[in-house]
Amino acid sequence: MRLPARLSGHGLVLRPVRPDDAALVHRLRGDAGLARHLSPVTGGVAGQRAWIERALTRHDQAYYAIEAAGPGTARPCGLVRLSQVTPERFTWGSWILDPATKPRRAALASALLVYRAGFAVSAEAVFDVRRGNARTLAFHDRFGARRVGETGTDILYRLSRADWTRLAPRLEAALQEVSA
């Protein structure tokens, strides 16, 4: 299953993570404050480079660097991963935005791009959010994902392509209002 290689919109670009992004991945994923709701990283920058090289051979996932796009520049400001991609569904997560470099509304803009990528090939998004991650839970609740279950550590969400098609114009309009 092939996801789009590169997406852009609302001042952001999602592009595949490359082995030379290993230091960025390690810095963001290794920051205890930013990554407190993600799986821990091991192996330093070299370990991240090796993981990226292995991940690039898989066709059921995409790991994207999120970049703030400006005139003639691209500034890394986050990461996101789509995985377990099939025609039926995809999962997304490992979403991390650097508050020091992300533009205003980067969460909404990057989520719009993630859904555009995933729904280009799949009928449904399924994902989980750690119970303690109040800001991300509120984000998904506010922007239309449905809570469908829970575990001891996570809240489980689902969003269909049909729901997304109905919600996307409202979210796009919200971004336009902020940009105006």
N, C-alpha and C. Protein backbone atom coordinates (compact mmCIF):
# COMPACT_ATOMS: atom_id res chain seq x y z
N MET A 1 0.85 -1.16 0.00
CA MET A 1 0.00 0.00 0.00
C MET A 1 0.90 1.23 0.00
N ARG A 2 0.80 2.05 -0.99
CA ARG A 2 1.66 3.22 -1.13
C ARG A 2 0.95 4.50 -0.69
N LEU A 3 1.49 5.11 0.33
CA LEU A 3 1.00 6.41 0.79
C LEU A 3 1.66 7.51 -0.03
N PRO A 4 1.04 8.68 -0.09
CA PRO A 4 1.68 9.78 -0.80
C PRO A 4 3.07 10.06 -0.22
N ALA A 5 4.02 10.33 -1.10
CA ALA A 5 5.39 10.56 -0.67
C ALA A 5 5.55 11.93 -0.02
N ARG A 6 4.81 12.90 -0.48
CA ARG A 6 4.98 14.26 0.01
C ARG A 6 3.63 14.96 -0.08
N LEU A 7 3.29 15.69 0.97
CA LEU A 7 2.05 16.46 0.99
C LEU A 7 2.36 17.86 1.50
N SER A 8 1.60 18.82 1.03
CA SER A 8 1.80 20.17 1.54
C SER A 8 0.46 20.88 1.63
N GLY A 9 0.40 21.83 2.53
CA GLY A 9 -0.78 22.66 2.69
C GLY A 9 -0.74 23.42 4.00
N HIS A 10 -1.36 24.57 4.00
CA HIS A 10 -1.48 25.39 5.21
C HIS A 10 -0.13 25.69 5.85
N GLY A 11 0.88 25.93 5.03
CA GLY A 11 2.19 26.31 5.53
C GLY A 11 3.04 25.16 6.04
N LEU A 12 2.60 23.93 5.80
CA LEU A 12 3.38 22.77 6.23
C LEU A 12 3.65 21.85 5.06
N VAL A 13 4.70 21.06 5.22
CA VAL A 13 5.04 19.99 4.29
C VAL A 13 5.24 18.72 5.12
N LEU A 14 4.65 17.62 4.67
CA LEU A 14 4.97 16.31 5.20
C LEU A 14 5.82 15.63 4.15
N ARG A 15 7.02 15.23 4.53
CA ARG A 15 7.89 14.52 3.62
C ARG A 15 8.46 13.31 4.35
N PRO A 16 8.81 12.26 3.61
CA PRO A 16 9.33 11.07 4.28
C PRO A 16 10.58 11.40 5.11
N VAL A 17 10.63 10.82 6.29
CA VAL A 17 11.83 10.93 7.11
C VAL A 17 12.95 10.22 6.37
N ARG A 18 14.13 10.81 6.41
CA ARG A 18 15.33 10.25 5.75
C ARG A 18 16.35 9.86 6.83
N PRO A 19 17.28 8.98 6.49
CA PRO A 19 18.31 8.63 7.48
C PRO A 19 19.03 9.85 8.05
N ASP A 20 19.21 10.90 7.26
CA ASP A 20 19.90 12.07 7.80
C ASP A 20 19.02 12.89 8.75
N ASP A 21 17.78 12.46 8.97
CA ASP A 21 16.90 13.08 9.98
C ASP A 21 17.06 12.42 11.35
N ALA A 22 17.97 11.47 11.47
CA ALA A 22 18.11 10.70 12.71
C ALA A 22 18.32 11.61 13.92
N ALA A 23 19.11 12.65 13.80
CA ALA A 23 19.35 13.55 14.93
C ALA A 23 18.07 14.28 15.32
N LEU A 24 17.28 14.71 14.34
CA LEU A 24 16.00 15.36 14.61
C LEU A 24 15.07 14.39 15.34
N VAL A 25 14.96 13.17 14.83
CA VAL A 25 14.08 12.17 15.45
C VAL A 25 14.54 11.92 16.89
N HIS A 26 15.83 11.74 17.06
CA HIS A 26 16.35 11.47 18.41
C HIS A 26 16.11 12.66 19.34
N ARG A 27 16.30 13.88 18.85
CA ARG A 27 16.09 15.06 19.69
C ARG A 27 14.62 15.18 20.13
N LEU A 28 13.70 15.04 19.18
CA LEU A 28 12.29 15.18 19.52
C LEU A 28 11.79 14.01 20.35
N ARG A 29 12.10 12.79 19.91
CA ARG A 29 11.61 11.60 20.62
C ARG A 29 12.33 11.39 21.95
N GLY A 30 13.54 11.97 22.08
CA GLY A 30 14.30 11.84 23.32
C GLY A 30 14.00 12.92 24.34
N ASP A 31 13.22 13.91 23.97
CA ASP A 31 12.85 15.00 24.88
C ASP A 31 11.74 14.48 25.80
N ALA A 32 12.06 14.35 27.07
CA ALA A 32 11.11 13.75 28.02
C ALA A 32 9.79 14.52 28.09
N GLY A 33 9.83 15.82 27.95
CA GLY A 33 8.61 16.60 27.99
C GLY A 33 7.77 16.43 26.74
N LEU A 34 8.39 16.52 25.58
CA LEU A 34 7.66 16.41 24.32
C LEU A 34 7.15 15.00 24.06
N ALA A 35 7.93 14.01 24.43
CA ALA A 35 7.62 12.62 24.06
C ALA A 35 7.06 11.80 25.23
N ARG A 36 6.57 12.46 26.25
CA ARG A 36 6.14 11.73 27.44
C ARG A 36 5.01 10.74 27.18
N HIS A 37 4.26 10.91 26.09
CA HIS A 37 3.16 9.99 25.78
C HIS A 37 3.51 9.02 24.65
N LEU A 38 4.78 9.00 24.24
CA LEU A 38 5.23 8.11 23.16
C LEU A 38 6.12 7.02 23.72
N SER A 39 6.33 5.98 22.93
CA SER A 39 7.25 4.92 23.32
C SER A 39 8.66 5.50 23.40
N PRO A 40 9.44 5.07 24.38
CA PRO A 40 10.80 5.61 24.50
C PRO A 40 11.69 5.17 23.35
N VAL A 41 12.67 6.01 23.03
CA VAL A 41 13.65 5.66 21.99
C VAL A 41 14.89 5.10 22.66
N THR A 42 15.59 4.25 21.93
CA THR A 42 16.84 3.69 22.43
C THR A 42 17.87 3.76 21.32
N GLY A 43 19.12 3.65 21.69
CA GLY A 43 20.17 3.52 20.69
C GLY A 43 20.77 4.80 20.16
N GLY A 44 20.42 5.95 20.70
CA GLY A 44 21.02 7.20 20.26
C GLY A 44 20.70 7.52 18.81
N VAL A 45 21.45 8.46 18.27
CA VAL A 45 21.24 8.89 16.89
C VAL A 45 21.50 7.73 15.92
N ALA A 46 22.53 6.94 16.19
CA ALA A 46 22.83 5.80 15.30
C ALA A 46 21.68 4.79 15.31
N GLY A 47 21.08 4.58 16.47
CA GLY A 47 19.93 3.67 16.55
C GLY A 47 18.74 4.20 15.77
N GLN A 48 18.53 5.50 15.82
CA GLN A 48 17.43 6.09 15.06
C GLN A 48 17.69 5.99 13.55
N ARG A 49 18.94 6.20 13.15
CA ARG A 49 19.29 6.06 11.73
C ARG A 49 19.01 4.64 11.25
N ALA A 50 19.41 3.65 12.03
CA ALA A 50 19.17 2.25 11.66
C ALA A 50 17.67 1.96 11.59
N TRP A 51 16.90 2.49 12.56
CA TRP A 51 15.44 2.27 12.56
C TRP A 51 14.83 2.90 11.31
N ILE A 52 15.23 4.11 10.97
CA ILE A 52 14.71 4.79 9.78
C ILE A 52 15.04 3.99 8.53
N GLU A 53 16.26 3.50 8.41
CA GLU A 53 16.65 2.72 7.23
C GLU A 53 15.79 1.47 7.10
N ARG A 54 15.50 0.80 8.21
CA ARG A 54 14.61 -0.37 8.17
C ARG A 54 13.19 0.04 7.80
N ALA A 55 12.72 1.12 8.40
CA ALA A 55 11.34 1.57 8.16
C ALA A 55 11.12 1.94 6.70
N LEU A 56 12.12 2.46 6.05
CA LEU A 56 11.98 2.88 4.65
C LEU A 56 11.76 1.70 3.70
N THR A 57 12.02 0.49 4.16
CA THR A 57 11.80 -0.69 3.31
C THR A 57 10.38 -1.23 3.43
N ARG A 58 9.62 -0.73 4.39
CA ARG A 58 8.25 -1.22 4.61
C ARG A 58 7.27 -0.43 3.76
N HIS A 59 6.32 -1.14 3.16
CA HIS A 59 5.34 -0.48 2.30
C HIS A 59 3.99 -0.27 2.99
N ASP A 60 3.87 -0.72 4.24
CA ASP A 60 2.60 -0.54 4.94
C ASP A 60 2.67 0.60 5.95
N GLN A 61 3.67 1.48 5.81
CA GLN A 61 3.79 2.59 6.73
C GLN A 61 4.53 3.75 6.07
N ALA A 62 4.41 4.90 6.68
CA ALA A 62 5.18 6.07 6.27
C ALA A 62 5.49 6.87 7.53
N TYR A 63 6.72 7.30 7.65
CA TYR A 63 7.15 8.14 8.76
C TYR A 63 7.49 9.47 8.13
N TYR A 64 6.79 10.51 8.54
CA TYR A 64 6.95 11.82 7.93
C TYR A 64 7.62 12.81 8.87
N ALA A 65 8.49 13.63 8.31
CA ALA A 65 8.95 14.84 8.98
C ALA A 65 7.94 15.92 8.63
N ILE A 66 7.56 16.68 9.62
CA ILE A 66 6.66 17.81 9.41
C ILE A 66 7.54 19.06 9.35
N GLU A 67 7.42 19.81 8.27
CA GLU A 67 8.23 21.00 8.10
C GLU A 67 7.34 22.23 7.95
N ALA A 68 7.76 23.31 8.59
CA ALA A 68 7.12 24.60 8.37
C ALA A 68 7.71 25.15 7.08
N ALA A 69 6.85 25.42 6.12
CA ALA A 69 7.31 25.87 4.81
C ALA A 69 7.19 27.38 4.71
N GLY A 70 8.29 28.01 4.38
CA GLY A 70 8.29 29.45 4.15
C GLY A 70 8.92 29.71 2.80
N PRO A 71 8.97 30.96 2.39
CA PRO A 71 9.57 31.29 1.09
C PRO A 71 11.02 30.80 1.02
N GLY A 72 11.25 29.77 0.23
CA GLY A 72 12.59 29.24 0.01
C GLY A 72 13.18 28.48 1.19
N THR A 73 12.38 28.19 2.22
CA THR A 73 12.90 27.49 3.39
C THR A 73 11.94 26.39 3.82
N ALA A 74 12.48 25.45 4.53
CA ALA A 74 11.68 24.42 5.18
C ALA A 74 12.34 24.16 6.53
N ARG A 75 11.60 24.36 7.60
CA ARG A 75 12.14 24.23 8.95
C ARG A 75 11.45 23.05 9.63
N PRO A 76 12.20 21.99 9.99
CA PRO A 76 11.58 20.84 10.67
C PRO A 76 10.90 21.28 11.95
N CYS A 77 9.66 20.81 12.14
CA CYS A 77 8.95 21.18 13.37
C CYS A 77 8.21 20.00 14.00
N GLY A 78 8.35 18.80 13.43
CA GLY A 78 7.67 17.66 14.04
C GLY A 78 7.81 16.39 13.25
N LEU A 79 7.13 15.37 13.75
CA LEU A 79 7.14 14.02 13.17
C LEU A 79 5.76 13.40 13.32
N VAL A 80 5.41 12.51 12.40
CA VAL A 80 4.18 11.73 12.52
C VAL A 80 4.34 10.45 11.71
N ARG A 81 3.70 9.39 12.16
CA ARG A 81 3.83 8.11 11.47
C ARG A 81 2.46 7.53 11.17
N LEU A 82 2.30 7.03 9.96
CA LEU A 82 1.14 6.23 9.57
C LEU A 82 1.62 4.80 9.44
N SER A 83 0.86 3.85 9.99
CA SER A 83 1.30 2.47 9.97
C SER A 83 0.10 1.54 9.79
N GLN A 84 0.41 0.26 9.60
CA GLN A 84 -0.61 -0.77 9.41
C GLN A 84 -1.60 -0.34 8.34
N VAL A 85 -1.08 0.18 7.25
CA VAL A 85 -1.91 0.74 6.20
C VAL A 85 -2.39 -0.37 5.27
N THR A 86 -3.71 -0.47 5.16
CA THR A 86 -4.37 -1.40 4.25
C THR A 86 -5.48 -0.63 3.55
N PRO A 87 -6.13 -1.21 2.55
CA PRO A 87 -7.28 -0.52 1.95
C PRO A 87 -8.41 -0.28 2.95
N GLU A 88 -8.48 -1.11 3.98
CA GLU A 88 -9.55 -0.97 4.97
C GLU A 88 -9.28 0.12 6.00
N ARG A 89 -8.02 0.20 6.48
CA ARG A 89 -7.74 1.14 7.57
C ARG A 89 -6.26 1.49 7.65
N PHE A 90 -6.02 2.56 8.38
CA PHE A 90 -4.65 2.93 8.74
C PHE A 90 -4.64 3.42 10.18
N THR A 91 -3.49 3.34 10.77
CA THR A 91 -3.26 3.84 12.12
C THR A 91 -2.29 5.01 12.01
N TRP A 92 -2.49 6.00 12.86
CA TRP A 92 -1.49 7.07 12.88
C TRP A 92 -1.18 7.44 14.32
N GLY A 93 0.05 7.91 14.51
CA GLY A 93 0.50 8.27 15.84
C GLY A 93 1.95 8.69 15.82
N SER A 94 2.60 8.54 16.97
CA SER A 94 3.96 9.04 17.14
C SER A 94 4.05 10.48 16.66
N TRP A 95 2.99 11.22 16.92
CA TRP A 95 2.82 12.60 16.46
C TRP A 95 3.45 13.51 17.49
N ILE A 96 4.42 14.27 17.06
CA ILE A 96 5.14 15.14 17.99
C ILE A 96 5.45 16.45 17.27
N LEU A 97 5.14 17.55 17.92
CA LEU A 97 5.41 18.88 17.37
C LEU A 97 6.32 19.64 18.33
N ASP A 98 7.33 20.28 17.80
CA ASP A 98 8.30 21.03 18.58
C ASP A 98 7.75 22.44 18.81
N PRO A 99 7.42 22.79 20.05
CA PRO A 99 6.85 24.12 20.30
C PRO A 99 7.80 25.26 19.92
N ALA A 100 9.10 24.99 19.87
CA ALA A 100 10.06 26.04 19.54
C ALA A 100 10.10 26.36 18.05
N THR A 101 9.66 25.43 17.20
CA THR A 101 9.77 25.65 15.75
C THR A 101 8.46 25.53 14.99
N LYS A 102 7.41 25.03 15.63
CA LYS A 102 6.15 24.83 14.90
C LYS A 102 5.42 26.15 14.71
N PRO A 103 4.79 26.30 13.55
CA PRO A 103 3.97 27.50 13.36
C PRO A 103 2.64 27.37 14.09
N ARG A 104 1.96 28.47 14.22
CA ARG A 104 0.64 28.49 14.83
C ARG A 104 -0.28 27.56 14.04
N ARG A 105 -1.10 26.80 14.72
CA ARG A 105 -2.08 25.87 14.14
C ARG A 105 -1.43 24.68 13.44
N ALA A 106 -0.19 24.36 13.80
CA ALA A 106 0.49 23.23 13.18
C ALA A 106 -0.19 21.90 13.49
N ALA A 107 -0.81 21.79 14.66
CA ALA A 107 -1.49 20.53 15.00
C ALA A 107 -2.63 20.27 14.02
N LEU A 108 -3.49 21.24 13.82
CA LEU A 108 -4.61 21.06 12.90
C LEU A 108 -4.12 20.89 11.47
N ALA A 109 -3.17 21.70 11.05
CA ALA A 109 -2.67 21.60 9.67
C ALA A 109 -2.02 20.25 9.42
N SER A 110 -1.22 19.76 10.37
CA SER A 110 -0.56 18.47 10.16
C SER A 110 -1.58 17.33 10.21
N ALA A 111 -2.60 17.43 11.07
CA ALA A 111 -3.64 16.40 11.10
C ALA A 111 -4.40 16.36 9.77
N LEU A 112 -4.69 17.51 9.20
CA LEU A 112 -5.36 17.54 7.89
C LEU A 112 -4.51 16.82 6.84
N LEU A 113 -3.21 17.04 6.87
CA LEU A 113 -2.34 16.38 5.90
C LEU A 113 -2.25 14.87 6.17
N VAL A 114 -2.22 14.48 7.43
CA VAL A 114 -2.20 13.05 7.78
C VAL A 114 -3.45 12.37 7.24
N TYR A 115 -4.60 12.97 7.48
CA TYR A 115 -5.84 12.37 6.99
C TYR A 115 -5.89 12.36 5.47
N ARG A 116 -5.38 13.40 4.84
CA ARG A 116 -5.35 13.41 3.38
C ARG A 116 -4.49 12.24 2.87
N ALA A 117 -3.36 11.99 3.51
CA ALA A 117 -2.50 10.88 3.11
C ALA A 117 -3.19 9.54 3.35
N GLY A 118 -3.70 9.35 4.55
CA GLY A 118 -4.30 8.07 4.91
C GLY A 118 -5.54 7.74 4.11
N PHE A 119 -6.41 8.73 3.93
CA PHE A 119 -7.65 8.47 3.21
C PHE A 119 -7.45 8.41 1.70
N ALA A 120 -6.25 8.70 1.23
CA ALA A 120 -5.94 8.48 -0.18
C ALA A 120 -5.88 6.99 -0.50
N VAL A 121 -5.65 6.16 0.53
CA VAL A 121 -5.50 4.72 0.31
C VAL A 121 -6.37 3.85 1.20
N SER A 122 -6.94 4.40 2.27
CA SER A 122 -7.68 3.60 3.25
C SER A 122 -9.07 4.17 3.49
N ALA A 123 -9.97 3.32 3.98
CA ALA A 123 -11.35 3.72 4.24
C ALA A 123 -11.58 4.25 5.66
N GLU A 124 -10.63 3.97 6.57
CA GLU A 124 -10.88 4.33 7.97
C GLU A 124 -9.55 4.56 8.70
N ALA A 125 -9.56 5.52 9.62
CA ALA A 125 -8.43 5.74 10.52
C ALA A 125 -8.78 5.15 11.87
N VAL A 126 -7.86 4.42 12.45
CA VAL A 126 -8.01 3.91 13.82
C VAL A 126 -6.73 4.28 14.57
N PHE A 127 -6.90 4.75 15.79
CA PHE A 127 -5.71 5.16 16.55
C PHE A 127 -6.05 5.22 18.02
N ASP A 128 -5.02 5.27 18.84
CA ASP A 128 -5.20 5.36 20.28
C ASP A 128 -4.41 6.54 20.81
N VAL A 129 -4.89 7.08 21.90
CA VAL A 129 -4.25 8.21 22.57
C VAL A 129 -4.14 7.87 24.04
N ARG A 130 -2.98 8.11 24.63
CA ARG A 130 -2.77 7.84 26.05
C ARG A 130 -3.76 8.66 26.88
N ARG A 131 -4.30 8.02 27.89
CA ARG A 131 -5.29 8.68 28.77
C ARG A 131 -4.76 10.00 29.34
N GLY A 132 -3.50 10.06 29.67
CA GLY A 132 -2.93 11.26 30.28
C GLY A 132 -2.64 12.39 29.30
N ASN A 133 -2.85 12.15 28.03
CA ASN A 133 -2.52 13.15 27.00
C ASN A 133 -3.76 14.02 26.74
N ALA A 134 -4.10 14.84 27.71
CA ALA A 134 -5.35 15.61 27.68
C ALA A 134 -5.47 16.51 26.45
N ARG A 135 -4.40 17.15 26.05
CA ARG A 135 -4.48 18.06 24.90
C ARG A 135 -4.79 17.31 23.61
N THR A 136 -4.19 16.15 23.41
CA THR A 136 -4.44 15.39 22.19
C THR A 136 -5.83 14.75 22.23
N LEU A 137 -6.25 14.29 23.39
CA LEU A 137 -7.62 13.78 23.51
C LEU A 137 -8.62 14.87 23.15
N ALA A 138 -8.44 16.06 23.69
CA ALA A 138 -9.36 17.17 23.40
C ALA A 138 -9.32 17.53 21.92
N PHE A 139 -8.14 17.50 21.33
CA PHE A 139 -8.01 17.80 19.90
C PHE A 139 -8.86 16.84 19.07
N HIS A 140 -8.69 15.54 19.28
CA HIS A 140 -9.43 14.55 18.49
C HIS A 140 -10.93 14.60 18.77
N ASP A 141 -11.30 14.82 20.01
CA ASP A 141 -12.73 14.95 20.33
C ASP A 141 -13.33 16.17 19.62
N ARG A 142 -12.64 17.27 19.67
CA ARG A 142 -13.12 18.52 19.08
C ARG A 142 -13.23 18.43 17.56
N PHE A 143 -12.35 17.68 16.93
CA PHE A 143 -12.31 17.67 15.47
C PHE A 143 -12.89 16.42 14.84
N GLY A 144 -13.77 15.71 15.57
CA GLY A 144 -14.63 14.74 14.91
C GLY A 144 -14.31 13.27 15.00
N ALA A 145 -13.18 12.88 15.58
CA ALA A 145 -12.93 11.44 15.73
C ALA A 145 -13.88 10.89 16.80
N ARG A 146 -14.30 9.64 16.62
CA ARG A 146 -15.23 9.01 17.56
C ARG A 146 -14.48 8.10 18.53
N ARG A 147 -14.76 8.26 19.81
CA ARG A 147 -14.22 7.33 20.81
C ARG A 147 -14.98 6.02 20.66
N VAL A 148 -14.22 4.93 20.51
CA VAL A 148 -14.87 3.64 20.29
C VAL A 148 -14.49 2.59 21.34
N GLY A 149 -13.65 2.96 22.29
CA GLY A 149 -13.27 2.01 23.32
C GLY A 149 -12.14 2.57 24.16
N GLU A 150 -11.69 1.74 25.07
CA GLU A 150 -10.59 2.15 25.93
C GLU A 150 -9.89 0.93 26.48
N THR A 151 -8.64 1.15 26.85
CA THR A 151 -7.85 0.13 27.54
C THR A 151 -7.41 0.76 28.86
N GLY A 152 -6.60 0.07 29.59
CA GLY A 152 -6.09 0.62 30.84
C GLY A 152 -5.26 1.88 30.63
N THR A 153 -4.63 2.01 29.47
CA THR A 153 -3.74 3.15 29.22
C THR A 153 -4.21 4.08 28.11
N ASP A 154 -5.11 3.63 27.23
CA ASP A 154 -5.44 4.40 26.04
C ASP A 154 -6.93 4.59 25.83
N ILE A 155 -7.26 5.65 25.10
CA ILE A 155 -8.59 5.85 24.55
C ILE A 155 -8.48 5.51 23.06
N LEU A 156 -9.40 4.71 22.56
CA LEU A 156 -9.37 4.24 21.18
C LEU A 156 -10.31 5.08 20.33
N TYR A 157 -9.83 5.46 19.14
CA TYR A 157 -10.59 6.32 18.25
C TYR A 157 -10.74 5.69 16.87
N ARG A 158 -11.75 6.19 16.16
CA ARG A 158 -12.02 5.77 14.79
C ARG A 158 -12.56 6.99 14.03
N LEU A 159 -12.18 7.09 12.78
CA LEU A 159 -12.73 8.12 11.90
C LEU A 159 -12.83 7.51 10.51
N SER A 160 -14.03 7.49 9.95
CA SER A 160 -14.22 6.91 8.62
C SER A 160 -13.92 7.96 7.55
N ARG A 161 -13.65 7.48 6.35
CA ARG A 161 -13.45 8.39 5.22
C ARG A 161 -14.71 9.23 4.99
N ALA A 162 -15.89 8.62 5.14
CA ALA A 162 -17.14 9.36 4.96
C ALA A 162 -17.27 10.48 5.99
N ASP A 163 -16.95 10.19 7.25
CA ASP A 163 -16.98 11.24 8.27
C ASP A 163 -15.96 12.32 7.96
N TRP A 164 -14.78 11.89 7.53
CA TRP A 164 -13.73 12.85 7.20
C TRP A 164 -14.16 13.76 6.05
N THR A 165 -14.78 13.19 5.04
CA THR A 165 -15.23 13.98 3.90
C THR A 165 -16.22 15.05 4.35
N ARG A 166 -17.04 14.70 5.33
CA ARG A 166 -18.01 15.66 5.87
C ARG A 166 -17.34 16.71 6.75
N LEU A 167 -16.33 16.33 7.54
CA LEU A 167 -15.68 17.23 8.49
C LEU A 167 -14.60 18.11 7.88
N ALA A 168 -13.92 17.62 6.87
CA ALA A 168 -12.75 18.32 6.33
C ALA A 168 -13.03 19.76 5.92
N PRO A 169 -14.12 20.06 5.23
CA PRO A 169 -14.34 21.47 4.85
C PRO A 169 -14.42 22.42 6.05
N ARG A 170 -15.02 21.97 7.13
CA ARG A 170 -15.11 22.81 8.33
C ARG A 170 -13.72 23.05 8.92
N LEU A 171 -12.89 22.00 8.93
CA LEU A 171 -11.54 22.14 9.49
C LEU A 171 -10.67 23.01 8.58
N GLU A 172 -10.80 22.81 7.28
CA GLU A 172 -10.06 23.65 6.34
C GLU A 172 -10.47 25.12 6.51
N ALA A 173 -11.76 25.38 6.69
CA ALA A 173 -12.25 26.75 6.87
C ALA A 173 -11.69 27.35 8.17
N ALA A 174 -11.62 26.55 9.21
CA ALA A 174 -11.07 27.03 10.47
C ALA A 174 -9.61 27.47 10.29
N LEU A 175 -8.86 26.71 9.52
CA LEU A 175 -7.47 27.10 9.26
C LEU A 175 -7.39 28.37 8.42
N GLN A 176 -8.28 28.51 7.46
CA GLN A 176 -8.30 29.71 6.62
C GLN A 176 -8.60 30.95 7.46
N GLU A 177 -9.52 30.83 8.40
CA GLU A 177 -9.87 31.96 9.26
C GLU A 177 -8.68 32.41 10.09
N VAL A 178 -7.92 31.45 10.60
CA VAL A 178 -6.75 31.77 11.40
C VAL A 178 -5.68 32.43 10.54
N SER A 179 -5.55 31.98 9.30
CA SER A 179 -4.52 32.50 8.40
C SER A 179 -4.86 33.89 7.88
N ALA A 180 -6.13 34.24 7.87
CA ALA A 180 -6.56 35.52 7.29
C ALA A 180 -6.21 36.70 8.17
